[in-house]
Amino acid sequence: MTTKQHTVADRVKAAMRDAERPASWVATKAGMSPSTFRRKIQGSGEFTVSELAQVAHALNVAPSSLLPAEFRTNTHAKGAA
């Protein structure tokens, strides 16, 4: 498992804990099979952007909250178009 995969999986699991929702519930609400979802939160696969958006919606969190830090910060220079 890469660090970024680990980070995303950990963020999803933390959001699940905060929402007090089991993996099967999140998977169903996100339109994923429970086995695929479990595999991804265990780090054996990567979430697509679309899947992360659906998981975030199911857990009522911002999709960016599930991404690694480098994707959540504004790295654009001021005044850049």
C-alpha atoms as a PDB file:
ATOM      1  CA  MET A   1       0.000   0.000   0.000  1.00  0.00           C
ATOM      2  CA  THR A   2       1.381   3.401  -0.896  1.00  0.00           C
ATOM      3  CA  THR A   3       1.329   6.308   1.513  1.00  0.00           C
ATOM      4  CA  LYS A   4      -1.371   8.133  -0.463  1.00  0.00           C
ATOM      5  CA  GLN A   5      -3.558   5.015  -0.626  1.00  0.00           C
ATOM      6  CA  HIS A   6      -3.062   4.556   3.096  1.00  0.00           C
ATOM      7  CA  THR A   7      -3.958   8.185   3.749  1.00  0.00           C
ATOM      8  CA  VAL A   8      -7.161   8.062   1.692  1.00  0.00           C
ATOM      9  CA  ALA A   9      -8.238   4.767   3.251  1.00  0.00           C
ATOM     10  CA  ASP A  10      -7.485   6.120   6.730  1.00  0.00           C
ATOM     11  CA  ARG A  11      -9.448   9.291   6.029  1.00  0.00           C
ATOM     12  CA  VAL A  12     -12.434   7.276   4.806  1.00  0.00           C
ATOM     13  CA  LYS A  13     -12.288   5.046   7.894  1.00  0.00           C
ATOM     14  CA  ALA A  14     -12.035   8.087  10.177  1.00  0.00           C
ATOM     15  CA  ALA A  15     -15.051   9.674   8.491  1.00  0.00           C
ATOM     16  CA  MET A  16     -16.957   6.410   8.947  1.00  0.00           C
ATOM     17  CA  ARG A  17     -16.072   6.352  12.651  1.00  0.00           C
ATOM     18  CA  ASP A  18     -17.116   9.991  13.064  1.00  0.00           C
ATOM     19  CA  ALA A  19     -20.436   9.287  11.327  1.00  0.00           C
ATOM     20  CA  GLU A  20     -20.833   6.024  13.259  1.00  0.00           C
ATOM     21  CA  ARG A  21     -21.559   4.138  10.045  1.00  0.00           C
ATOM     22  CA  PRO A  22     -20.401   0.604   9.181  1.00  0.00           C
ATOM     23  CA  ALA A  23     -18.637  -0.221   5.930  1.00  0.00           C
ATOM     24  CA  SER A  24     -21.654  -2.069   4.522  1.00  0.00           C
ATOM     25  CA  TRP A  25     -23.903   0.978   5.023  1.00  0.00           C
ATOM     26  CA  VAL A  26     -21.399   3.370   3.414  1.00  0.00           C
ATOM     27  CA  ALA A  27     -20.819   0.994   0.506  1.00  0.00           C
ATOM     28  CA  THR A  28     -24.545   0.700  -0.188  1.00  0.00           C
ATOM     29  CA  LYS A  29     -25.126   4.458   0.049  1.00  0.00           C
ATOM     30  CA  ALA A  30     -22.119   5.085  -2.215  1.00  0.00           C
ATOM     31  CA  GLY A  31     -23.349   2.581  -4.811  1.00  0.00           C
ATOM     32  CA  MET A  32     -20.445   0.191  -4.296  1.00  0.00           C
ATOM     33  CA  SER A  33     -20.423  -3.482  -3.471  1.00  0.00           C
ATOM     34  CA  PRO A  34     -19.522  -4.046   0.189  1.00  0.00           C
ATOM     35  CA  SER A  35     -16.647  -6.368  -0.756  1.00  0.00           C
ATOM     36  CA  THR A  36     -15.103  -3.819  -3.128  1.00  0.00           C
ATOM     37  CA  PHE A  37     -15.511  -1.059  -0.569  1.00  0.00           C
ATOM     38  CA  ARG A  38     -13.893  -3.141   2.184  1.00  0.00           C
ATOM     39  CA  ARG A  39     -10.993  -4.018  -0.105  1.00  0.00           C
ATOM     40  CA  LYS A  40     -10.399  -0.337  -0.796  1.00  0.00           C
ATOM     41  CA  ILE A  41     -10.562   0.777   2.838  1.00  0.00           C
ATOM     42  CA  GLN A  42      -8.103  -2.001   3.657  1.00  0.00           C
ATOM     43  CA  GLY A  43      -5.712  -0.494   1.113  1.00  0.00           C
ATOM     44  CA  SER A  44      -5.858  -3.306  -1.437  1.00  0.00           C
ATOM     45  CA  GLY A  45      -7.247  -0.995  -4.087  1.00  0.00           C
ATOM     46  CA  GLU A  46      -7.619   2.674  -4.875  1.00  0.00           C
ATOM     47  CA  PHE A  47     -10.788   4.739  -4.805  1.00  0.00           C
ATOM     48  CA  THR A  48     -11.675   6.581  -7.982  1.00  0.00           C
ATOM     49  CA  VAL A  49     -12.506  10.266  -7.691  1.00  0.00           C
ATOM     50  CA  SER A  50     -16.137   9.423  -8.424  1.00  0.00           C
ATOM     51  CA  GLU A  51     -16.209   6.783  -5.677  1.00  0.00           C
ATOM     52  CA  LEU A  52     -14.680   9.208  -3.164  1.00  0.00           C
ATOM     53  CA  ALA A  53     -17.325  11.794  -4.064  1.00  0.00           C
ATOM     54  CA  GLN A  54     -20.072   9.215  -3.479  1.00  0.00           C
ATOM     55  CA  VAL A  55     -18.518   8.110  -0.169  1.00  0.00           C
ATOM     56  CA  ALA A  56     -18.241  11.733   0.944  1.00  0.00           C
ATOM     57  CA  HIS A  57     -21.877  12.340   0.043  1.00  0.00           C
ATOM     58  CA  ALA A  58     -22.944   9.228   1.966  1.00  0.00           C
ATOM     59  CA  LEU A  59     -21.004  10.391   5.032  1.00  0.00           C
ATOM     60  CA  ASN A  60     -22.063  14.028   4.654  1.00  0.00           C
ATOM     61  CA  VAL A  61     -18.477  15.315   4.463  1.00  0.00           C
ATOM     62  CA  ALA A  62     -16.620  17.418   1.917  1.00  0.00           C
ATOM     63  CA  PRO A  63     -14.976  15.226  -0.729  1.00  0.00           C
ATOM     64  CA  SER A  64     -11.714  17.112  -0.235  1.00  0.00           C
ATOM     65  CA  SER A  65     -11.646  15.971   3.402  1.00  0.00           C
ATOM     66  CA  LEU A  66     -10.970  12.438   2.160  1.00  0.00           C
ATOM     67  CA  LEU A  67      -7.970  13.440   0.046  1.00  0.00           C
ATOM     68  CA  PRO A  68      -4.307  13.697   1.049  1.00  0.00           C
ATOM     69  CA  ALA A  69      -3.196  17.106   2.335  1.00  0.00           C
ATOM     70  CA  GLU A  70      -1.472  18.140  -0.886  1.00  0.00           C
ATOM     71  CA  PHE A  71      -4.851  18.007  -2.623  1.00  0.00           C
ATOM     72  CA  ARG A  72      -6.572  20.074   0.039  1.00  0.00           C
ATOM     73  CA  THR A  73      -4.244  23.082   0.066  1.00  0.00           C
ATOM     74  CA  ASN A  74      -4.245  25.967  -2.335  1.00  0.00           C
ATOM     75  CA  THR A  75      -0.920  25.732  -4.138  1.00  0.00           C
ATOM     76  CA  HIS A  76      -1.702  28.289  -6.838  1.00  0.00           C
ATOM     77  CA  ALA A  77       0.254  31.509  -6.802  1.00  0.00           C
ATOM     78  CA  LYS A  78      -1.762  34.607  -6.073  1.00  0.00           C
ATOM     79  CA  GLY A  79      -2.914  36.302  -9.222  1.00  0.00           C
ATOM     80  CA  ALA A  80      -2.408  33.217 -11.387  1.00  0.00           C
ATOM     81  CA  ALA A  81      -5.105  32.621 -13.941  1.00  0.00           C
END
